[in-house]
């Protein structure tokens, strides 16, 4: 009931940053169904103008597995969004409420 997704993030700031933590809830993008939660696997430092790889680890709820069976049967990948997330960038903590910012990603369907 776990997964890992990696994605690239370009530091557009004119200074080096350290993404110390990132946590949030995962929802099915199509149905807006709560699937579980996710967090950054380890802190990531990214120099100004450079790109770094962030790895997010997630855990599905039992209800999520049922949702994958009923709502996404036969699909290999499912579009999800990370919502209501909090991030600590170089000691600056930001809390993003639903609707303010969402991070879309595709995850393997645990029940294809």
PDB file of N, CA and C in Angstrom:
ATOM      1  N   UNK A   1       0.815  -1.198   0.000  1.00  0.00           N
ATOM      2  CA  UNK A   1       0.000   0.000   0.000  1.00  0.00           C
ATOM      3  C   UNK A   1       0.852   1.254   0.000  1.00  0.00           C
ATOM      4  N   UNK A   2       2.065   1.158  -0.518  1.00  0.00           N
ATOM      5  CA  UNK A   2       2.928   2.328  -0.579  1.00  0.00           C
ATOM      6  C   UNK A   2       3.395   2.560  -2.007  1.00  0.00           C
ATOM      7  N   UNK A   3       3.879   3.760  -2.262  1.00  0.00           N
ATOM      8  CA  UNK A   3       4.427   4.075  -3.573  1.00  0.00           C
ATOM      9  C   UNK A   3       5.499   5.144  -3.439  1.00  0.00           C
ATOM     10  N   UNK A   4       6.250   5.301  -4.488  1.00  0.00           N
ATOM     11  CA  UNK A   4       7.303   6.305  -4.562  1.00  0.00           C
ATOM     12  C   UNK A   4       7.245   6.949  -5.939  1.00  0.00           C
ATOM     13  N   UNK A   5       7.292   8.284  -5.985  1.00  0.00           N
ATOM     14  CA  UNK A   5       7.291   9.027  -7.240  1.00  0.00           C
ATOM     15  C   UNK A   5       8.394  10.070  -7.174  1.00  0.00           C
ATOM     16  N   UNK A   6       9.192  10.146  -8.233  1.00  0.00           N
ATOM     17  CA  UNK A   6      10.245  11.158  -8.308  1.00  0.00           C
ATOM     18  C   UNK A   6       9.916  12.149  -9.411  1.00  0.00           C
ATOM     19  N   UNK A   7      10.211  13.421  -9.163  1.00  0.00           N
ATOM     20  CA  UNK A   7      10.010  14.435 -10.187  1.00  0.00           C
ATOM     21  C   UNK A   7      11.088  15.508 -10.059  1.00  0.00           C
ATOM     22  N   UNK A   8      11.286  16.224 -11.147  1.00  0.00           N
ATOM     23  CA  UNK A   8      12.305  17.261 -11.218  1.00  0.00           C
ATOM     24  C   UNK A   8      11.710  18.601 -10.785  1.00  0.00           C
ATOM     25  N   UNK A   9      12.522  19.382 -10.054  1.00  0.00           N
ATOM     26  CA  UNK A   9      12.115  20.725  -9.667  1.00  0.00           C
ATOM     27  C   UNK A   9      13.269  21.664  -9.962  1.00  0.00           C
ATOM     28  N   UNK A  10      12.993  22.712 -10.749  1.00  0.00           N
ATOM     29  CA  UNK A  10      14.023  23.702 -11.075  1.00  0.00           C
ATOM     30  C   UNK A  10      13.951  24.844 -10.077  1.00  0.00           C
ATOM     31  N   UNK A  11      15.073  25.141  -9.464  1.00  0.00           N
ATOM     32  CA  UNK A  11      15.178  26.258  -8.527  1.00  0.00           C
ATOM     33  C   UNK A  11      15.341  27.543  -9.327  1.00  0.00           C
ATOM     34  N   UNK A  12      14.273  28.308  -9.448  1.00  0.00           N
ATOM     35  CA  UNK A  12      14.307  29.556 -10.208  1.00  0.00           C
ATOM     36  C   UNK A  12      14.715  30.748  -9.347  1.00  0.00           C
ATOM     37  N   UNK A  13      14.957  30.504  -8.064  1.00  0.00           N
ATOM     38  CA  UNK A  13      15.377  31.579  -7.177  1.00  0.00           C
ATOM     39  C   UNK A  13      16.857  31.908  -7.403  1.00  0.00           C
ATOM     40  N   UNK A  14      17.273  33.136  -7.124  1.00  0.00           N
ATOM     41  CA  UNK A  14      18.678  33.507  -7.309  1.00  0.00           C
ATOM     42  C   UNK A  14      19.560  33.085  -6.125  1.00  0.00           C
ATOM     43  N   UNK A  15      19.105  32.111  -5.357  1.00  0.00           N
ATOM     44  CA  UNK A  15      19.877  31.627  -4.215  1.00  0.00           C
ATOM     45  C   UNK A  15      19.659  30.135  -4.045  1.00  0.00           C
ATOM     46  N   UNK A  16      20.588  29.485  -3.373  1.00  0.00           N
ATOM     47  CA  UNK A  16      20.477  28.058  -3.105  1.00  0.00           C
ATOM     48  C   UNK A  16      19.338  27.812  -2.120  1.00  0.00           C
ATOM     49  N   UNK A  17      18.636  26.701  -2.294  1.00  0.00           N
ATOM     50  CA  UNK A  17      17.555  26.367  -1.371  1.00  0.00           C
ATOM     51  C   UNK A  17      17.720  24.935  -0.872  1.00  0.00           C
ATOM     52  N   UNK A  18      17.096  24.665   0.250  1.00  0.00           N
ATOM     53  CA  UNK A  18      17.037  23.311   0.803  1.00  0.00           C
ATOM     54  C   UNK A  18      15.567  23.013   1.093  1.00  0.00           C
ATOM     55  N   UNK A  19      15.032  22.029   0.390  1.00  0.00           N
ATOM     56  CA  UNK A  19      13.661  21.606   0.668  1.00  0.00           C
ATOM     57  C   UNK A  19      13.768  20.573   1.771  1.00  0.00           C
ATOM     58  N   UNK A  20      13.430  21.009   2.986  1.00  0.00           N
ATOM     59  CA  UNK A  20      13.626  20.175   4.167  1.00  0.00           C
ATOM     60  C   UNK A  20      12.509  19.157   4.366  1.00  0.00           C
ATOM     61  N   UNK A  21      11.278  19.546   4.022  1.00  0.00           N
ATOM     62  CA  UNK A  21      10.161  18.620   4.180  1.00  0.00           C
ATOM     63  C   UNK A  21       9.021  19.039   3.271  1.00  0.00           C
ATOM     64  N   UNK A  22       8.173  18.082   2.976  1.00  0.00           N
ATOM     65  CA  UNK A  22       6.970  18.311   2.188  1.00  0.00           C
ATOM     66  C   UNK A  22       5.995  17.212   2.595  1.00  0.00           C
ATOM     67  N   UNK A  23       4.808  17.591   3.009  1.00  0.00           N
ATOM     68  CA  UNK A  23       3.773  16.627   3.382  1.00  0.00           C
ATOM     69  C   UNK A  23       2.445  17.075   2.785  1.00  0.00           C
ATOM     70  N   UNK A  24       1.575  16.136   2.520  1.00  0.00           N
ATOM     71  CA  UNK A  24       0.265  16.494   1.992  1.00  0.00           C
ATOM     72  C   UNK A  24      -0.648  15.304   1.837  1.00  0.00           C
ATOM     73  N   UNK A  25      -1.852  15.588   1.384  1.00  0.00           N
ATOM     74  CA  UNK A  25      -2.854  14.571   1.123  1.00  0.00           C
ATOM     75  C   UNK A  25      -2.899  14.281  -0.370  1.00  0.00           C
ATOM     76  N   UNK A  26      -3.230  13.050  -0.721  1.00  0.00           N
ATOM     77  CA  UNK A  26      -3.314  12.641  -2.113  1.00  0.00           C
ATOM     78  C   UNK A  26      -4.774  12.421  -2.465  1.00  0.00           C
ATOM     79  N   UNK A  27      -5.198  13.008  -3.606  1.00  0.00           N
ATOM     80  CA  UNK A  27      -6.558  12.820  -4.099  1.00  0.00           C
ATOM     81  C   UNK A  27      -6.517  12.327  -5.535  1.00  0.00           C
ATOM     82  N   UNK A  28      -7.510  11.546  -5.904  1.00  0.00           N
ATOM     83  CA  UNK A  28      -7.713  11.153  -7.292  1.00  0.00           C
ATOM     84  C   UNK A  28      -8.079  12.428  -8.054  1.00  0.00           C
ATOM     85  N   UNK A  29      -7.351  12.725  -9.119  1.00  0.00           N
ATOM     86  CA  UNK A  29      -7.602  13.947  -9.878  1.00  0.00           C
ATOM     87  C   UNK A  29      -8.971  13.907 -10.552  1.00  0.00           C
ATOM     88  N   UNK A  30      -9.385  12.753 -11.024  1.00  0.00           N
ATOM     89  CA  UNK A  30     -10.660  12.633 -11.741  1.00  0.00           C
ATOM     90  C   UNK A  30     -11.864  12.691 -10.813  1.00  0.00           C
ATOM     91  N   UNK A  31     -11.792  11.999  -9.677  1.00  0.00           N
ATOM     92  CA  UNK A  31     -12.952  11.866  -8.795  1.00  0.00           C
ATOM     93  C   UNK A  31     -12.858  12.677  -7.510  1.00  0.00           C
ATOM     94  N   UNK A  32     -11.712  13.304  -7.254  1.00  0.00           N
ATOM     95  CA  UNK A  32     -11.481  14.066  -6.015  1.00  0.00           C
ATOM     96  C   UNK A  32     -11.736  13.209  -4.774  1.00  0.00           C
ATOM     97  N   UNK A  33     -11.304  11.959  -4.866  1.00  0.00           N
ATOM     98  CA  UNK A  33     -11.455  10.994  -3.784  1.00  0.00           C
ATOM     99  C   UNK A  33     -10.153  10.963  -2.991  1.00  0.00           C
ATOM    100  N   UNK A  34     -10.245  11.055  -1.654  1.00  0.00           N
ATOM    101  CA  UNK A  34      -9.043  11.004  -0.805  1.00  0.00           C
ATOM    102  C   UNK A  34      -8.429   9.609  -0.878  1.00  0.00           C
ATOM    103  N   UNK A  35      -7.133   9.554  -1.205  1.00  0.00           N
ATOM    104  CA  UNK A  35      -6.448   8.270  -1.385  1.00  0.00           C
ATOM    105  C   UNK A  35      -5.419   7.949  -0.300  1.00  0.00           C
ATOM    106  N   UNK A  36      -4.873   8.965   0.338  1.00  0.00           N
ATOM    107  CA  UNK A  36      -3.845   8.717   1.352  1.00  0.00           C
ATOM    108  C   UNK A  36      -3.034   9.963   1.605  1.00  0.00           C
ATOM    109  N   UNK A  37      -1.785   9.754   2.053  1.00  0.00           N
ATOM    110  CA  UNK A  37      -0.917  10.897   2.322  1.00  0.00           C
ATOM    111  C   UNK A  37       0.472  10.647   1.754  1.00  0.00           C
ATOM    112  N   UNK A  38       1.245  11.725   1.679  1.00  0.00           N
ATOM    113  CA  UNK A  38       2.575  11.632   1.085  1.00  0.00           C
ATOM    114  C   UNK A  38       3.531  12.567   1.802  1.00  0.00           C
ATOM    115  N   UNK A  39       4.819  12.256   1.672  1.00  0.00           N
ATOM    116  CA  UNK A  39       5.849  13.120   2.248  1.00  0.00           C
ATOM    117  C   UNK A  39       7.153  12.967   1.465  1.00  0.00           C
ATOM    118  N   UNK A  40       8.002  13.957   1.588  1.00  0.00           N
ATOM    119  CA  UNK A  40       9.300  13.939   0.939  1.00  0.00           C
ATOM    120  C   UNK A  40      10.155  12.860   1.591  1.00  0.00           C
ATOM    121  N   UNK A  41      10.841  12.049   0.771  1.00  0.00           N
ATOM    122  CA  UNK A  41      11.622  10.937   1.314  1.00  0.00           C
ATOM    123  C   UNK A  41      12.832  11.411   2.109  1.00  0.00           C
ATOM    124  N   UNK A  42      13.485  12.487   1.630  1.00  0.00           N
ATOM    125  CA  UNK A  42      14.639  13.046   2.343  1.00  0.00           C
ATOM    126  C   UNK A  42      14.824  14.478   1.880  1.00  0.00           C
ATOM    127  N   UNK A  43      15.449  15.320   2.684  1.00  0.00           N
ATOM    128  CA  UNK A  43      15.694  16.705   2.282  1.00  0.00           C
ATOM    129  C   UNK A  43      16.531  16.768   1.002  1.00  0.00           C
ATOM    130  N   UNK A  44      16.278  17.831   0.218  1.00  0.00           N
ATOM    131  CA  UNK A  44      16.972  18.010  -1.058  1.00  0.00           C
ATOM    132  C   UNK A  44      17.500  19.433  -1.136  1.00  0.00           C
ATOM    133  N   UNK A  45      18.795  19.578  -1.425  1.00  0.00           N
ATOM    134  CA  UNK A  45      19.400  20.895  -1.641  1.00  0.00           C
ATOM    135  C   UNK A  45      19.533  21.123  -3.138  1.00  0.00           C
ATOM    136  N   UNK A  46      19.154  22.332  -3.584  1.00  0.00           N
ATOM    137  CA  UNK A  46      19.218  22.667  -5.002  1.00  0.00           C
ATOM    138  C   UNK A  46      19.871  24.039  -5.143  1.00  0.00           C
ATOM    139  N   UNK A  47      20.968  24.098  -5.864  1.00  0.00           N
ATOM    140  CA  UNK A  47      21.663  25.362  -6.088  1.00  0.00           C
ATOM    141  C   UNK A  47      20.827  26.275  -6.974  1.00  0.00           C
ATOM    142  N   UNK A  48      21.065  27.577  -6.880  1.00  0.00           N
ATOM    143  CA  UNK A  48      20.356  28.567  -7.691  1.00  0.00           C
ATOM    144  C   UNK A  48      20.473  28.215  -9.169  1.00  0.00           C
ATOM    145  N   UNK A  49      19.323  28.205  -9.858  1.00  0.00           N
ATOM    146  CA  UNK A  49      19.305  27.929 -11.281  1.00  0.00           C
ATOM    147  C   UNK A  49      19.444  26.469 -11.667  1.00  0.00           C
ATOM    148  N   UNK A  50      19.640  25.596 -10.717  1.00  0.00           N
ATOM    149  CA  UNK A  50      19.825  24.167 -10.990  1.00  0.00           C
ATOM    150  C   UNK A  50      18.511  23.407 -10.789  1.00  0.00           C
ATOM    151  N   UNK A  51      18.516  22.157 -11.218  1.00  0.00           N
ATOM    152  CA  UNK A  51      17.347  21.285 -11.079  1.00  0.00           C
ATOM    153  C   UNK A  51      17.694  20.132 -10.153  1.00  0.00           C
ATOM    154  N   UNK A  52      16.777  19.821  -9.259  1.00  0.00           N
ATOM    155  CA  UNK A  52      16.978  18.714  -8.341  1.00  0.00           C
ATOM    156  C   UNK A  52      15.847  17.710  -8.455  1.00  0.00           C
ATOM    157  N   UNK A  53      16.093  16.512  -7.964  1.00  0.00           N
ATOM    158  CA  UNK A  53      15.079  15.457  -7.986  1.00  0.00           C
ATOM    159  C   UNK A  53      14.480  15.304  -6.596  1.00  0.00           C
ATOM    160  N   UNK A  54      13.169  15.402  -6.526  1.00  0.00           N
ATOM    161  CA  UNK A  54      12.441  15.202  -5.283  1.00  0.00           C
ATOM    162  C   UNK A  54      11.740  13.855  -5.369  1.00  0.00           C
ATOM    163  N   UNK A  55      11.858  13.062  -4.322  1.00  0.00           N
ATOM    164  CA  UNK A  55      11.180  11.777  -4.260  1.00  0.00           C
ATOM    165  C   UNK A  55      10.130  11.846  -3.160  1.00  0.00           C
ATOM    166  N   UNK A  56       8.898  11.555  -3.552  1.00  0.00           N
ATOM    167  CA  UNK A  56       7.764  11.593  -2.638  1.00  0.00           C
ATOM    168  C   UNK A  56       7.329  10.157  -2.352  1.00  0.00           C
ATOM    169  N   UNK A  57       7.160   9.851  -1.074  1.00  0.00           N
ATOM    170  CA  UNK A  57       6.681   8.541  -0.641  1.00  0.00           C
ATOM    171  C   UNK A  57       5.238   8.686  -0.180  1.00  0.00           C
ATOM    172  N   UNK A  58       4.396   7.739  -0.567  1.00  0.00           N
ATOM    173  CA  UNK A  58       2.998   7.813  -0.188  1.00  0.00           C
ATOM    174  C   UNK A  58       2.472   6.503   0.343  1.00  0.00           C
ATOM    175  N   UNK A  59       1.375   6.595   1.067  1.00  0.00           N
ATOM    176  CA  UNK A  59       0.691   5.432   1.623  1.00  0.00           C
ATOM    177  C   UNK A  59      -0.784   5.522   1.274  1.00  0.00           C
ATOM    178  N   UNK A  60      -1.315   4.437   0.678  1.00  0.00           N
ATOM    179  CA  UNK A  60      -2.732   4.380   0.317  1.00  0.00           C
ATOM    180  C   UNK A  60      -3.564   3.914   1.503  1.00  0.00           C
ATOM    181  N   UNK A  61      -4.787   4.423   1.606  1.00  0.00           N
ATOM    182  CA  UNK A  61      -5.744   3.918   2.592  1.00  0.00           C
ATOM    183  C   UNK A  61      -6.414   2.669   2.026  1.00  0.00           C
ATOM    184  N   UNK A  62      -7.094   1.926   2.865  1.00  0.00           N
ATOM    185  CA  UNK A  62      -7.867   0.767   2.396  1.00  0.00           C
ATOM    186  C   UNK A  62      -8.937   1.209   1.408  1.00  0.00           C
ATOM    187  N   UNK A  63      -9.576   2.347   1.694  1.00  0.00           N
ATOM    188  CA  UNK A  63     -10.602   2.879   0.806  1.00  0.00           C
ATOM    189  C   UNK A  63     -10.012   3.241  -0.559  1.00  0.00           C
ATOM    190  N   UNK A  64      -8.755   3.676  -0.568  1.00  0.00           N
ATOM    191  CA  UNK A  64      -8.092   4.013  -1.831  1.00  0.00           C
ATOM    192  C   UNK A  64      -7.956   2.776  -2.715  1.00  0.00           C
ATOM    193  N   UNK A  65      -7.571   1.659  -2.126  1.00  0.00           N
ATOM    194  CA  UNK A  65      -7.419   0.424  -2.895  1.00  0.00           C
ATOM    195  C   UNK A  65      -8.766   0.046  -3.525  1.00  0.00           C
ATOM    196  N   UNK A  66      -9.842   0.170  -2.767  1.00  0.00           N
ATOM    197  CA  UNK A  66     -11.183  -0.103  -3.307  1.00  0.00           C
ATOM    198  C   UNK A  66     -11.509   0.872  -4.439  1.00  0.00           C
ATOM    199  N   UNK A  67     -11.132   2.131  -4.263  1.00  0.00           N
ATOM    200  CA  UNK A  67     -11.386   3.135  -5.302  1.00  0.00           C
ATOM    201  C   UNK A  67     -10.623   2.802  -6.586  1.00  0.00           C
ATOM    202  N   UNK A  68      -9.374   2.372  -6.456  1.00  0.00           N
ATOM    203  CA  UNK A  68      -8.597   1.989  -7.638  1.00  0.00           C
ATOM    204  C   UNK A  68      -9.272   0.824  -8.367  1.00  0.00           C
ATOM    205  N   UNK A  69      -9.784  -0.144  -7.608  1.00  0.00           N
ATOM    206  CA  UNK A  69     -10.490  -1.290  -8.211  1.00  0.00           C
ATOM    207  C   UNK A  69     -11.746  -0.849  -8.953  1.00  0.00           C
ATOM    208  N   UNK A  70     -12.549  -0.005  -8.310  1.00  0.00           N
ATOM    209  CA  UNK A  70     -13.836   0.358  -8.896  1.00  0.00           C
ATOM    210  C   UNK A  70     -13.757   1.509  -9.892  1.00  0.00           C
ATOM    211  N   UNK A  71     -12.916   2.487  -9.641  1.00  0.00           N
ATOM    212  CA  UNK A  71     -12.877   3.676 -10.486  1.00  0.00           C
ATOM    213  C   UNK A  71     -11.805   3.686 -11.544  1.00  0.00           C
ATOM    214  N   UNK A  72     -10.813   2.772 -11.426  1.00  0.00           N
ATOM    215  CA  UNK A  72      -9.680   2.808 -12.361  1.00  0.00           C
ATOM    216  C   UNK A  72      -9.247   1.412 -12.798  1.00  0.00           C
ATOM    217  N   UNK A  73     -10.202   0.494 -12.839  1.00  0.00           N
ATOM    218  CA  UNK A  73      -9.899  -0.879 -13.257  1.00  0.00           C
ATOM    219  C   UNK A  73      -9.308  -0.876 -14.662  1.00  0.00           C
ATOM    220  N   UNK A  74      -8.216  -1.592 -14.844  1.00  0.00           N
ATOM    221  CA  UNK A  74      -7.574  -1.708 -16.147  1.00  0.00           C
ATOM    222  C   UNK A  74      -6.593  -0.600 -16.478  1.00  0.00           C
ATOM    223  N   UNK A  75      -6.543   0.446 -15.682  1.00  0.00           N
ATOM    224  CA  UNK A  75      -5.604   1.539 -15.926  1.00  0.00           C
ATOM    225  C   UNK A  75      -4.261   1.224 -15.273  1.00  0.00           C
ATOM    226  N   UNK A  76      -3.180   1.428 -16.006  1.00  0.00           N
ATOM    227  CA  UNK A  76      -1.849   1.201 -15.428  1.00  0.00           C
ATOM    228  C   UNK A  76      -1.408   2.359 -14.552  1.00  0.00           C
ATOM    229  N   UNK A  77      -1.703   3.595 -15.001  1.00  0.00           N
ATOM    230  CA  UNK A  77      -1.317   4.793 -14.265  1.00  0.00           C
ATOM    231  C   UNK A  77      -2.570   5.601 -13.958  1.00  0.00           C
ATOM    232  N   UNK A  78      -2.546   6.298 -12.818  1.00  0.00           N
ATOM    233  CA  UNK A  78      -3.683   7.103 -12.393  1.00  0.00           C
ATOM    234  C   UNK A  78      -3.174   8.509 -12.076  1.00  0.00           C
ATOM    235  N   UNK A  79      -3.908   9.520 -12.547  1.00  0.00           N
ATOM    236  CA  UNK A  79      -3.565  10.912 -12.235  1.00  0.00           C
ATOM    237  C   UNK A  79      -4.056  11.238 -10.835  1.00  0.00           C
ATOM    238  N   UNK A  80      -3.142  11.740 -10.020  1.00  0.00           N
ATOM    239  CA  UNK A  80      -3.480  12.160  -8.665  1.00  0.00           C
ATOM    240  C   UNK A  80      -2.936  13.566  -8.444  1.00  0.00           C
ATOM    241  N   UNK A  81      -3.411  14.213  -7.391  1.00  0.00           N
ATOM    242  CA  UNK A  81      -2.901  15.522  -7.013  1.00  0.00           C
ATOM    243  C   UNK A  81      -2.546  15.510  -5.537  1.00  0.00           C
ATOM    244  N   UNK A  82      -1.475  16.212  -5.227  1.00  0.00           N
ATOM    245  CA  UNK A  82      -1.067  16.419  -3.840  1.00  0.00           C
ATOM    246  C   UNK A  82      -1.699  17.728  -3.405  1.00  0.00           C
ATOM    247  N   UNK A  83      -2.571  17.670  -2.406  1.00  0.00           N
ATOM    248  CA  UNK A  83      -3.310  18.850  -1.949  1.00  0.00           C
ATOM    249  C   UNK A  83      -3.056  19.083  -0.466  1.00  0.00           C
ATOM    250  N   UNK A  84      -3.471  20.259  -0.022  1.00  0.00           N
ATOM    251  CA  UNK A  84      -3.341  20.614   1.404  1.00  0.00           C
ATOM    252  C   UNK A  84      -1.930  20.327   1.898  1.00  0.00           C
ATOM    253  N   UNK A  85      -0.929  20.775   1.151  1.00  0.00           N
ATOM    254  CA  UNK A  85       0.399  20.387   1.564  1.00  0.00           C
ATOM    255  C   UNK A  85       1.164  21.504   2.245  1.00  0.00           C
ATOM    256  N   UNK A  86       2.133  21.087   3.026  1.00  0.00           N
ATOM    257  CA  UNK A  86       3.027  21.992   3.737  1.00  0.00           C
ATOM    258  C   UNK A  86       4.441  21.688   3.281  1.00  0.00           C
ATOM    259  N   UNK A  87       5.214  22.741   3.074  1.00  0.00           N
ATOM    260  CA  UNK A  87       6.592  22.571   2.633  1.00  0.00           C
ATOM    261  C   UNK A  87       7.493  23.490   3.444  1.00  0.00           C
ATOM    262  N   UNK A  88       8.661  22.992   3.787  1.00  0.00           N
ATOM    263  CA  UNK A  88       9.681  23.763   4.490  1.00  0.00           C
ATOM    264  C   UNK A  88      10.840  23.958   3.522  1.00  0.00           C
ATOM    265  N   UNK A  89      11.016  25.196   3.048  1.00  0.00           N
ATOM    266  CA  UNK A  89      12.097  25.524   2.129  1.00  0.00           C
ATOM    267  C   UNK A  89      13.070  26.429   2.863  1.00  0.00           C
ATOM    268  N   UNK A  90      14.231  25.882   3.164  1.00  0.00           N
ATOM    269  CA  UNK A  90      15.288  26.634   3.858  1.00  0.00           C
ATOM    270  C   UNK A  90      14.777  27.309   5.123  1.00  0.00           C
ATOM    271  N   UNK A  91      13.910  26.614   5.860  1.00  0.00           N
ATOM    272  CA  UNK A  91      13.396  27.126   7.120  1.00  0.00           C
ATOM    273  C   UNK A  91      12.140  27.970   6.998  1.00  0.00           C
ATOM    274  N   UNK A  92      11.731  28.286   5.789  1.00  0.00           N
ATOM    275  CA  UNK A  92      10.484  29.016   5.566  1.00  0.00           C
ATOM    276  C   UNK A  92       9.382  27.983   5.366  1.00  0.00           C
ATOM    277  N   UNK A  93       8.381  28.013   6.237  1.00  0.00           N
ATOM    278  CA  UNK A  93       7.321  27.009   6.183  1.00  0.00           C
ATOM    279  C   UNK A  93       6.083  27.599   5.521  1.00  0.00           C
ATOM    280  N   UNK A  94       5.635  26.917   4.477  1.00  0.00           N
ATOM    281  CA  UNK A  94       4.450  27.341   3.742  1.00  0.00           C
ATOM    282  C   UNK A  94       3.376  26.276   3.868  1.00  0.00           C
ATOM    283  N   UNK A  95       2.154  26.705   4.135  1.00  0.00           N
ATOM    284  CA  UNK A  95       1.005  25.804   4.208  1.00  0.00           C
ATOM    285  C   UNK A  95       0.087  26.158   3.062  1.00  0.00           C
ATOM    286  N   UNK A  96      -0.153  25.214   2.161  1.00  0.00           N
ATOM    287  CA  UNK A  96      -1.022  25.442   1.014  1.00  0.00           C
ATOM    288  C   UNK A  96      -2.340  24.725   1.242  1.00  0.00           C
ATOM    289  N   UNK A  97      -3.414  25.486   1.348  1.00  0.00           N
ATOM    290  CA  UNK A  97      -4.735  24.898   1.523  1.00  0.00           C
ATOM    291  C   UNK A  97      -5.292  24.461   0.177  1.00  0.00           C
ATOM    292  N   UNK A  98      -6.301  23.608   0.219  1.00  0.00           N
ATOM    293  CA  UNK A  98      -6.914  23.106  -1.013  1.00  0.00           C
ATOM    294  C   UNK A  98      -7.349  24.273  -1.888  1.00  0.00           C
ATOM    295  N   UNK A  99      -7.009  24.179  -3.165  1.00  0.00           N
ATOM    296  CA  UNK A  99      -7.356  25.218  -4.112  1.00  0.00           C
ATOM    297  C   UNK A  99      -6.266  26.246  -4.318  1.00  0.00           C
ATOM    298  N   UNK A 100      -5.368  26.425  -3.347  1.00  0.00           N
ATOM    299  CA  UNK A 100      -4.291  27.397  -3.507  1.00  0.00           C
ATOM    300  C   UNK A 100      -3.217  26.883  -4.455  1.00  0.00           C
ATOM    301  N   UNK A 101      -2.868  25.630  -4.285  1.00  0.00           N
ATOM    302  CA  UNK A 101      -1.827  25.046  -5.116  1.00  0.00           C
ATOM    303  C   UNK A 101      -1.947  23.539  -5.055  1.00  0.00           C
ATOM    304  N   UNK A 102      -1.826  22.911  -6.206  1.00  0.00           N
ATOM    305  CA  UNK A 102      -1.859  21.465  -6.275  1.00  0.00           C
ATOM    306  C   UNK A 102      -0.694  20.996  -7.118  1.00  0.00           C
ATOM    307  N   UNK A 103      -0.123  19.866  -6.759  1.00  0.00           N
ATOM    308  CA  UNK A 103       0.959  19.265  -7.532  1.00  0.00           C
ATOM    309  C   UNK A 103       0.427  17.988  -8.156  1.00  0.00           C
ATOM    310  N   UNK A 104       0.287  17.995  -9.482  1.00  0.00           N
ATOM    311  CA  UNK A 104      -0.215  16.820 -10.193  1.00  0.00           C
ATOM    312  C   UNK A 104       0.903  15.825 -10.441  1.00  0.00           C
ATOM    313  N   UNK A 105       0.553  14.547 -10.452  1.00  0.00           N
ATOM    314  CA  UNK A 105       1.515  13.497 -10.772  1.00  0.00           C
ATOM    315  C   UNK A 105       0.757  12.246 -11.177  1.00  0.00           C
ATOM    316  N   UNK A 106       1.460  11.351 -11.836  1.00  0.00           N
ATOM    317  CA  UNK A 106       0.885  10.049 -12.176  1.00  0.00           C
ATOM    318  C   UNK A 106       1.524   9.010 -11.278  1.00  0.00           C
ATOM    319  N   UNK A 107       0.697   8.083 -10.806  1.00  0.00           N
ATOM    320  CA  UNK A 107       1.188   7.001  -9.960  1.00  0.00           C
ATOM    321  C   UNK A 107       0.741   5.667 -10.538  1.00  0.00           C
ATOM    322  N   UNK A 108       1.517   4.613 -10.294  1.00  0.00           N
ATOM    323  CA  UNK A 108       1.101   3.277 -10.752  1.00  0.00           C
ATOM    324  C   UNK A 108      -0.165   2.862 -10.001  1.00  0.00           C
ATOM    325  N   UNK A 109      -1.091   2.268 -10.725  1.00  0.00           N
ATOM    326  CA  UNK A 109      -2.316   1.765 -10.120  1.00  0.00           C
ATOM    327  C   UNK A 109      -1.975   0.522  -9.305  1.00  0.00           C
ATOM    328  N   UNK A 110      -2.219   0.539  -7.980  1.00  0.00           N
ATOM    329  CA  UNK A 110      -1.887  -0.638  -7.172  1.00  0.00           C
ATOM    330  C   UNK A 110      -2.871  -1.791  -7.377  1.00  0.00           C
ATOM    331  N   UNK A 111      -3.938  -1.534  -8.126  1.00  0.00           N
ATOM    332  CA  UNK A 111      -4.958  -2.576  -8.364  1.00  0.00           C
ATOM    333  C   UNK A 111      -5.360  -2.555  -9.841  1.00  0.00           C
ATOM    334  N   UNK A 112      -4.411  -2.836 -10.781  1.00  0.00           N
ATOM    335  CA  UNK A 112      -4.717  -2.729 -12.214  1.00  0.00           C
ATOM    336  C   UNK A 112      -5.745  -3.743 -12.694  1.00  0.00           C
TER     337      UNK A 112
END
